[in-house]
Amino acid sequence: YDLKSEEDVKEYLKNLGTEYRFGCFKEKKPEVCHLLGDYLEAISKDFQKAAKVYKSNCEDYSFSKSCYKMGNYHMLGKGGVPQSHEKSLEYYDKGCDLGDIDSCFRAGVVSVLSSKKKKPFSTFNHGVERLRKGCDGKHGDACHHLSALYMDGSNNKGDHLPKDMKKAFEYAVKACDLGNIQACVNVSIMYMRGEGVEKDQEKSNKYKNIAMEKKKEIERQKQLIFQEGLKPA
């Protein structure tokens, strides 16, 4: 395939779908089933079929990324599945237990938010544990959320997380190292104020510059993608 004509592209995508179906339904390869789900979602726009594939691949084959996808589908009420944050947490938890750090992050956020509701279906402590697992797996946003939780502390409905600026600082540094811009800004401010760490204006400036450079890099990437999109086929 040279993929220069629209017909070539259509033929290529059709054959790709056939290949994924064979690999999933006949050869029963979980990683191919997940690719089939992605194909149905992104190319065919058949969200109901995609949901069925993800659901089966998570429940029958314990494929972590498919559990994450089902968590998203229940979070949004997408693909004909009922919108249920409680159900989404079940899938995120399973994905997390199977080693998917995106699932750990989502499970953490959903649990923390749930713990603040009148009828919680999860606990604050469970959310912290999931975020910690995500952070240990090098998920920058999970580290950033943990940092924020330690900045505030919590005594919410029996759950207890003491305010700890030293831990907040440590998680902020880790989140910054993993690419979270806001965490870099927070590290800069904490060095400037001496919160959780000794005051150090030089290091404050260093992290401020890191944040600015990361922001510029994101803008450069956006511009690059935009320019690529403008190129003639």
C-alpha atoms as a PDB file:
ATOM      1  CA  TYR A   1       0.000   0.000   0.000  1.00  0.00           C
ATOM      2  CA  ASP A   2       1.314   3.437  -0.855  1.00  0.00           C
ATOM      3  CA  LEU A   3      -1.754   5.020   0.800  1.00  0.00           C
ATOM      4  CA  LYS A   4      -1.724   7.932  -1.640  1.00  0.00           C
ATOM      5  CA  SER A   5      -5.313   7.492  -2.763  1.00  0.00           C
ATOM      6  CA  GLU A   6      -8.461   7.411  -0.670  1.00  0.00           C
ATOM      7  CA  GLU A   7      -9.263   3.948  -2.031  1.00  0.00           C
ATOM      8  CA  ASP A   8      -5.897   2.611  -0.866  1.00  0.00           C
ATOM      9  CA  VAL A   9      -6.541   3.950   2.626  1.00  0.00           C
ATOM     10  CA  LYS A  10     -10.020   2.389   2.761  1.00  0.00           C
ATOM     11  CA  GLU A  11      -8.679  -0.969   1.562  1.00  0.00           C
ATOM     12  CA  TYR A  12      -5.837  -0.872   4.083  1.00  0.00           C
ATOM     13  CA  LEU A  13      -8.185  -0.081   6.979  1.00  0.00           C
ATOM     14  CA  LYS A  14     -10.646  -2.776   5.911  1.00  0.00           C
ATOM     15  CA  ASN A  15      -7.889  -5.396   5.849  1.00  0.00           C
ATOM     16  CA  LEU A  16      -6.588  -4.162   9.190  1.00  0.00           C
ATOM     17  CA  GLY A  17     -10.035  -4.689  10.736  1.00  0.00           C
ATOM     18  CA  THR A  18     -10.190  -8.213   9.297  1.00  0.00           C
ATOM     19  CA  GLU A  19      -6.726  -8.966  10.669  1.00  0.00           C
ATOM     20  CA  TYR A  20      -7.675  -7.743  14.159  1.00  0.00           C
ATOM     21  CA  ARG A  21     -10.923  -9.756  14.174  1.00  0.00           C
ATOM     22  CA  PHE A  22      -9.049 -12.925  13.240  1.00  0.00           C
ATOM     23  CA  GLY A  23      -6.368 -12.327  15.880  1.00  0.00           C
ATOM     24  CA  CYS A  24      -8.979 -11.662  18.548  1.00  0.00           C
ATOM     25  CA  PHE A  25     -11.833 -14.092  17.852  1.00  0.00           C
ATOM     26  CA  LYS A  26      -9.900 -16.985  16.286  1.00  0.00           C
ATOM     27  CA  GLU A  27      -6.436 -16.775  17.827  1.00  0.00           C
ATOM     28  CA  LYS A  28      -7.774 -15.272  21.082  1.00  0.00           C
ATOM     29  CA  LYS A  29      -4.850 -12.887  21.575  1.00  0.00           C
ATOM     30  CA  PRO A  30      -5.751 -10.287  24.254  1.00  0.00           C
ATOM     31  CA  GLU A  31      -3.414  -7.613  22.859  1.00  0.00           C
ATOM     32  CA  VAL A  32      -5.057  -7.981  19.420  1.00  0.00           C
ATOM     33  CA  CYS A  33      -8.538  -7.852  20.976  1.00  0.00           C
ATOM     34  CA  HIS A  34      -7.587  -4.528  22.531  1.00  0.00           C
ATOM     35  CA  LEU A  35      -6.383  -3.286  19.136  1.00  0.00           C
ATOM     36  CA  LEU A  36      -9.726  -4.395  17.684  1.00  0.00           C
ATOM     37  CA  GLY A  37     -11.511  -2.353  20.347  1.00  0.00           C
ATOM     38  CA  ASP A  38      -9.389   0.669  19.444  1.00  0.00           C
ATOM     39  CA  TYR A  39     -10.130   0.053  15.750  1.00  0.00           C
ATOM     40  CA  LEU A  40     -13.891  -0.123  16.352  1.00  0.00           C
ATOM     41  CA  GLU A  41     -13.702   3.010  18.485  1.00  0.00           C
ATOM     42  CA  ALA A  42     -11.427   5.199  16.352  1.00  0.00           C
ATOM     43  CA  ILE A  43     -12.000   3.978  12.782  1.00  0.00           C
ATOM     44  CA  SER A  44     -15.491   2.441  12.717  1.00  0.00           C
ATOM     45  CA  LYS A  45     -16.881   4.794  15.405  1.00  0.00           C
ATOM     46  CA  ASP A  46     -18.912   1.806  16.634  1.00  0.00           C
ATOM     47  CA  PHE A  47     -18.689   2.475  20.359  1.00  0.00           C
ATOM     48  CA  GLN A  48     -21.150  -0.255  21.358  1.00  0.00           C
ATOM     49  CA  LYS A  49     -19.104  -2.985  19.672  1.00  0.00           C
ATOM     50  CA  ALA A  50     -15.906  -1.453  21.033  1.00  0.00           C
ATOM     51  CA  ALA A  51     -17.377  -1.560  24.554  1.00  0.00           C
ATOM     52  CA  LYS A  52     -18.258  -5.253  24.164  1.00  0.00           C
ATOM     53  CA  VAL A  53     -14.733  -6.086  23.019  1.00  0.00           C
ATOM     54  CA  TYR A  54     -13.097  -4.087  25.838  1.00  0.00           C
ATOM     55  CA  LYS A  55     -15.459  -5.628  28.424  1.00  0.00           C
ATOM     56  CA  SER A  56     -14.752  -9.193  27.311  1.00  0.00           C
ATOM     57  CA  ASN A  57     -11.022  -8.553  27.043  1.00  0.00           C
ATOM     58  CA  CYS A  58     -10.920  -7.151  30.571  1.00  0.00           C
ATOM     59  CA  GLU A  59     -13.155  -9.734  32.237  1.00  0.00           C
ATOM     60  CA  ASP A  60     -12.193 -12.871  30.287  1.00  0.00           C
ATOM     61  CA  TYR A  61      -8.522 -12.190  29.540  1.00  0.00           C
ATOM     62  CA  SER A  62      -7.605  -9.708  32.303  1.00  0.00           C
ATOM     63  CA  PHE A  63      -6.047  -7.276  29.816  1.00  0.00           C
ATOM     64  CA  SER A  64      -5.346  -4.168  31.909  1.00  0.00           C
ATOM     65  CA  LYS A  65      -5.696  -1.522  29.173  1.00  0.00           C
ATOM     66  CA  SER A  66      -9.140  -2.867  28.258  1.00  0.00           C
ATOM     67  CA  CYS A  67     -10.191  -2.541  31.920  1.00  0.00           C
ATOM     68  CA  TYR A  68      -9.041   1.090  31.779  1.00  0.00           C
ATOM     69  CA  LYS A  69     -11.121   1.651  28.633  1.00  0.00           C
ATOM     70  CA  MET A  70     -14.221   0.154  30.273  1.00  0.00           C
ATOM     71  CA  GLY A  71     -13.667   2.423  33.249  1.00  0.00           C
ATOM     72  CA  ASN A  72     -13.715   5.376  30.856  1.00  0.00           C
ATOM     73  CA  TYR A  73     -16.847   4.107  29.106  1.00  0.00           C
ATOM     74  CA  HIS A  74     -18.748   3.797  32.405  1.00  0.00           C
ATOM     75  CA  MET A  75     -17.445   7.179  33.536  1.00  0.00           C
ATOM     76  CA  LEU A  76     -18.927   8.812  30.409  1.00  0.00           C
ATOM     77  CA  GLY A  77     -21.891   6.492  29.812  1.00  0.00           C
ATOM     78  CA  LYS A  78     -20.412   5.735  26.393  1.00  0.00           C
ATOM     79  CA  GLY A  79     -21.067   2.872  23.970  1.00  0.00           C
ATOM     80  CA  GLY A  80     -24.450   1.962  25.414  1.00  0.00           C
ATOM     81  CA  VAL A  81     -23.077   1.192  28.884  1.00  0.00           C
ATOM     82  CA  PRO A  82     -24.749   2.914  31.858  1.00  0.00           C
ATOM     83  CA  GLN A  83     -22.975   5.935  33.298  1.00  0.00           C
ATOM     84  CA  SER A  84     -21.783   4.844  36.724  1.00  0.00           C
ATOM     85  CA  HIS A  85     -18.807   6.222  38.610  1.00  0.00           C
ATOM     86  CA  GLU A  86     -19.040   3.253  40.957  1.00  0.00           C
ATOM     87  CA  LYS A  87     -18.822   0.809  38.040  1.00  0.00           C
ATOM     88  CA  SER A  88     -16.006   2.812  36.465  1.00  0.00           C
ATOM     89  CA  LEU A  89     -14.052   2.486  39.719  1.00  0.00           C
ATOM     90  CA  GLU A  90     -14.460  -1.309  39.634  1.00  0.00           C
ATOM     91  CA  TYR A  91     -12.818  -1.410  36.215  1.00  0.00           C
ATOM     92  CA  TYR A  92     -10.132   1.134  37.123  1.00  0.00           C
ATOM     93  CA  ASP A  93      -9.321  -0.892  40.246  1.00  0.00           C
ATOM     94  CA  LYS A  94      -9.031  -4.083  38.222  1.00  0.00           C
ATOM     95  CA  GLY A  95      -6.827  -2.343  35.644  1.00  0.00           C
ATOM     96  CA  CYS A  96      -4.663  -0.958  38.432  1.00  0.00           C
ATOM     97  CA  ASP A  97      -4.315  -4.358  40.111  1.00  0.00           C
ATOM     98  CA  LEU A  98      -3.230  -5.726  36.722  1.00  0.00           C
ATOM     99  CA  GLY A  99      -0.495  -3.102  36.495  1.00  0.00           C
ATOM    100  CA  ASP A 100      -1.979  -0.279  34.395  1.00  0.00           C
ATOM    101  CA  ILE A 101      -0.843   2.999  35.982  1.00  0.00           C
ATOM    102  CA  ASP A 102      -3.439   5.104  34.127  1.00  0.00           C
ATOM    103  CA  SER A 103      -6.076   2.960  35.844  1.00  0.00           C
ATOM    104  CA  CYS A 104      -4.384   3.544  39.221  1.00  0.00           C
ATOM    105  CA  PHE A 105      -4.509   7.303  38.664  1.00  0.00           C
ATOM    106  CA  ARG A 106      -8.186   7.284  37.673  1.00  0.00           C
ATOM    107  CA  ALA A 107      -9.102   4.934  40.539  1.00  0.00           C
ATOM    108  CA  GLY A 108      -7.347   7.301  42.932  1.00  0.00           C
ATOM    109  CA  VAL A 109      -9.119  10.418  41.686  1.00  0.00           C
ATOM    110  CA  VAL A 110     -12.557   8.739  41.575  1.00  0.00           C
ATOM    111  CA  SER A 111     -12.115   7.352  45.115  1.00  0.00           C
ATOM    112  CA  VAL A 112     -11.011  10.684  46.589  1.00  0.00           C
ATOM    113  CA  LEU A 113     -13.953  12.492  44.956  1.00  0.00           C
ATOM    114  CA  SER A 114     -16.375   9.756  46.049  1.00  0.00           C
ATOM    115  CA  SER A 115     -15.245  10.007  49.681  1.00  0.00           C
ATOM    116  CA  LYS A 116     -16.505  13.606  49.788  1.00  0.00           C
ATOM    117  CA  LYS A 117     -20.046  12.727  48.688  1.00  0.00           C
ATOM    118  CA  LYS A 118     -23.023  12.172  50.989  1.00  0.00           C
ATOM    119  CA  LYS A 119     -23.182   8.521  49.920  1.00  0.00           C
ATOM    120  CA  PRO A 120     -19.587   7.545  49.191  1.00  0.00           C
ATOM    121  CA  PHE A 121     -18.888   4.279  47.352  1.00  0.00           C
ATOM    122  CA  SER A 122     -15.169   4.386  48.107  1.00  0.00           C
ATOM    123  CA  THR A 123     -12.809   5.836  50.700  1.00  0.00           C
ATOM    124  CA  PHE A 124     -10.272   8.613  50.776  1.00  0.00           C
ATOM    125  CA  ASN A 125      -7.611   6.189  52.002  1.00  0.00           C
ATOM    126  CA  HIS A 126      -8.258   3.861  49.063  1.00  0.00           C
ATOM    127  CA  GLY A 127      -7.818   6.832  46.738  1.00  0.00           C
ATOM    128  CA  VAL A 128      -4.499   7.746  48.339  1.00  0.00           C
ATOM    129  CA  GLU A 129      -3.294   4.140  48.046  1.00  0.00           C
ATOM    130  CA  ARG A 130      -4.224   4.008  44.349  1.00  0.00           C
ATOM    131  CA  LEU A 131      -2.553   7.355  43.637  1.00  0.00           C
ATOM    132  CA  ARG A 132       0.552   6.160  45.454  1.00  0.00           C
ATOM    133  CA  LYS A 133       0.629   3.033  43.307  1.00  0.00           C
ATOM    134  CA  GLY A 134       0.251   5.171  40.192  1.00  0.00           C
ATOM    135  CA  CYS A 135       3.029   7.490  41.315  1.00  0.00           C
ATOM    136  CA  ASP A 136       5.302   4.530  42.100  1.00  0.00           C
ATOM    137  CA  GLY A 137       4.627   3.443  38.514  1.00  0.00           C
ATOM    138  CA  LYS A 138       5.877   6.862  37.325  1.00  0.00           C
ATOM    139  CA  HIS A 139       2.528   8.497  36.539  1.00  0.00           C
ATOM    140  CA  GLY A 140       3.258  12.217  36.875  1.00  0.00           C
ATOM    141  CA  ASP A 141      -0.352  13.314  37.442  1.00  0.00           C
ATOM    142  CA  ALA A 142      -0.759  10.730  40.227  1.00  0.00           C
ATOM    143  CA  CYS A 143       2.322  12.145  41.985  1.00  0.00           C
ATOM    144  CA  HIS A 144       0.965  15.683  41.515  1.00  0.00           C
ATOM    145  CA  HIS A 145      -2.408  14.763  43.051  1.00  0.00           C
ATOM    146  CA  LEU A 146      -0.674  13.097  45.999  1.00  0.00           C
ATOM    147  CA  SER A 147       1.381  16.230  46.543  1.00  0.00           C
ATOM    148  CA  ALA A 148      -1.788  18.345  46.595  1.00  0.00           C
ATOM    149  CA  LEU A 149      -3.458  15.979  49.095  1.00  0.00           C
ATOM    150  CA  TYR A 150      -0.489  16.193  51.468  1.00  0.00           C
ATOM    151  CA  MET A 151      -0.512  19.999  51.167  1.00  0.00           C
ATOM    152  CA  ASP A 152      -4.079  20.126  52.478  1.00  0.00           C
ATOM    153  CA  GLY A 153      -4.317  17.005  54.640  1.00  0.00           C
ATOM    154  CA  SER A 154      -7.717  15.461  55.359  1.00  0.00           C
ATOM    155  CA  ASN A 155      -9.961  14.435  58.228  1.00  0.00           C
ATOM    156  CA  ASN A 156     -12.870  13.537  55.975  1.00  0.00           C
ATOM    157  CA  LYS A 157     -15.426  11.082  57.425  1.00  0.00           C
ATOM    158  CA  GLY A 158     -12.950   9.082  59.445  1.00  0.00           C
ATOM    159  CA  ASP A 159     -10.237   9.064  56.804  1.00  0.00           C
ATOM    160  CA  HIS A 160      -7.069  10.651  58.081  1.00  0.00           C
ATOM    161  CA  LEU A 161      -4.170  12.042  56.101  1.00  0.00           C
ATOM    162  CA  PRO A 162      -2.053  14.468  58.136  1.00  0.00           C
ATOM    163  CA  LYS A 163      -0.852  17.593  56.396  1.00  0.00           C
ATOM    164  CA  ASP A 164       2.801  16.984  55.508  1.00  0.00           C
ATOM    165  CA  MET A 165       4.589  19.667  53.496  1.00  0.00           C
ATOM    166  CA  LYS A 166       7.789  17.613  53.312  1.00  0.00           C
ATOM    167  CA  LYS A 167       5.949  14.774  51.560  1.00  0.00           C
ATOM    168  CA  ALA A 168       4.043  17.307  49.456  1.00  0.00           C
ATOM    169  CA  PHE A 169       7.385  18.700  48.299  1.00  0.00           C
ATOM    170  CA  GLU A 170       8.867  15.259  47.565  1.00  0.00           C
ATOM    171  CA  TYR A 171       5.862  14.218  45.475  1.00  0.00           C
ATOM    172  CA  ALA A 172       5.871  17.577  43.674  1.00  0.00           C
ATOM    173  CA  VAL A 173       9.527  17.093  42.676  1.00  0.00           C
ATOM    174  CA  LYS A 174       8.766  13.591  41.406  1.00  0.00           C
ATOM    175  CA  ALA A 175       5.726  14.853  39.473  1.00  0.00           C
ATOM    176  CA  CYS A 176       7.817  17.634  37.941  1.00  0.00           C
ATOM    177  CA  ASP A 177      10.522  15.156  36.919  1.00  0.00           C
ATOM    178  CA  LEU A 178       7.772  13.112  35.237  1.00  0.00           C
ATOM    179  CA  GLY A 179       6.600  16.098  33.199  1.00  0.00           C
ATOM    180  CA  ASN A 180       3.807  17.747  35.214  1.00  0.00           C
ATOM    181  CA  ILE A 181       4.218  21.499  34.653  1.00  0.00           C
ATOM    182  CA  GLN A 182       2.041  22.624  37.580  1.00  0.00           C
ATOM    183  CA  ALA A 183       4.139  20.471  39.902  1.00  0.00           C
ATOM    184  CA  CYS A 184       7.285  22.276  38.687  1.00  0.00           C
ATOM    185  CA  VAL A 185       5.589  25.599  39.474  1.00  0.00           C
ATOM    186  CA  ASN A 186       4.669  24.298  42.947  1.00  0.00           C
ATOM    187  CA  VAL A 187       8.264  23.189  43.603  1.00  0.00           C
ATOM    188  CA  SER A 188       9.465  26.667  42.628  1.00  0.00           C
ATOM    189  CA  ILE A 189       6.982  28.297  45.025  1.00  0.00           C
ATOM    190  CA  MET A 190       7.858  25.894  47.860  1.00  0.00           C
ATOM    191  CA  TYR A 191      11.565  26.682  47.481  1.00  0.00           C
ATOM    192  CA  MET A 192      10.742  30.385  47.459  1.00  0.00           C
ATOM    193  CA  ARG A 193       8.591  30.172  50.618  1.00  0.00           C
ATOM    194  CA  GLY A 194      10.564  27.462  52.409  1.00  0.00           C
ATOM    195  CA  GLU A 195       7.570  25.128  52.616  1.00  0.00           C
ATOM    196  CA  GLY A 196       8.524  21.469  53.049  1.00  0.00           C
ATOM    197  CA  VAL A 197      12.114  22.373  52.194  1.00  0.00           C
ATOM    198  CA  GLU A 198      14.680  25.033  53.110  1.00  0.00           C
ATOM    199  CA  LYS A 199      14.331  28.356  51.330  1.00  0.00           C
ATOM    200  CA  ASP A 200      16.494  28.499  48.231  1.00  0.00           C
ATOM    201  CA  GLN A 201      15.872  31.256  45.698  1.00  0.00           C
ATOM    202  CA  GLU A 202      18.355  29.807  43.231  1.00  0.00           C
ATOM    203  CA  LYS A 203      16.520  26.471  43.128  1.00  0.00           C
ATOM    204  CA  SER A 204      13.197  28.318  43.016  1.00  0.00           C
ATOM    205  CA  ASN A 205      14.362  30.076  39.854  1.00  0.00           C
ATOM    206  CA  LYS A 206      15.652  26.779  38.452  1.00  0.00           C
ATOM    207  CA  TYR A 207      12.253  25.082  38.762  1.00  0.00           C
ATOM    208  CA  LYS A 208      10.479  28.170  37.451  1.00  0.00           C
ATOM    209  CA  ASN A 209      12.660  27.938  34.341  1.00  0.00           C
ATOM    210  CA  ILE A 210      11.990  24.195  34.057  1.00  0.00           C
ATOM    211  CA  ALA A 211       8.238  24.899  34.115  1.00  0.00           C
ATOM    212  CA  MET A 212       8.574  27.590  31.459  1.00  0.00           C
ATOM    213  CA  GLU A 213      10.706  25.339  29.243  1.00  0.00           C
ATOM    214  CA  LYS A 214       8.224  22.447  29.549  1.00  0.00           C
ATOM    215  CA  LYS A 215       5.400  24.813  28.604  1.00  0.00           C
ATOM    216  CA  LYS A 216       7.345  26.030  25.555  1.00  0.00           C
ATOM    217  CA  GLU A 217       8.037  22.436  24.527  1.00  0.00           C
ATOM    218  CA  ILE A 218       4.306  21.623  24.623  1.00  0.00           C
ATOM    219  CA  GLU A 219       3.605  24.688  22.468  1.00  0.00           C
ATOM    220  CA  ARG A 220       6.314  23.595  20.024  1.00  0.00           C
ATOM    221  CA  GLN A 221       4.797  20.118  19.799  1.00  0.00           C
ATOM    222  CA  LYS A 222       1.329  21.573  19.171  1.00  0.00           C
ATOM    223  CA  GLN A 223       2.714  23.780  16.416  1.00  0.00           C
ATOM    224  CA  LEU A 224       4.556  20.829  14.876  1.00  0.00           C
ATOM    225  CA  ILE A 225       1.392  18.701  14.830  1.00  0.00           C
ATOM    226  CA  PHE A 226      -0.539  21.611  13.310  1.00  0.00           C
ATOM    227  CA  GLN A 227       2.069  22.068  10.584  1.00  0.00           C
ATOM    228  CA  GLU A 228       2.124  18.329   9.847  1.00  0.00           C
ATOM    229  CA  GLY A 229      -1.637  18.489   9.420  1.00  0.00           C
ATOM    230  CA  LEU A 230      -1.292  21.270   6.844  1.00  0.00           C
ATOM    231  CA  LYS A 231       1.102  19.322   4.640  1.00  0.00           C
ATOM    232  CA  PRO A 232      -0.461  18.102   1.379  1.00  0.00           C
ATOM    233  CA  ALA A 233      -0.961  14.342   1.089  1.00  0.00           C
END
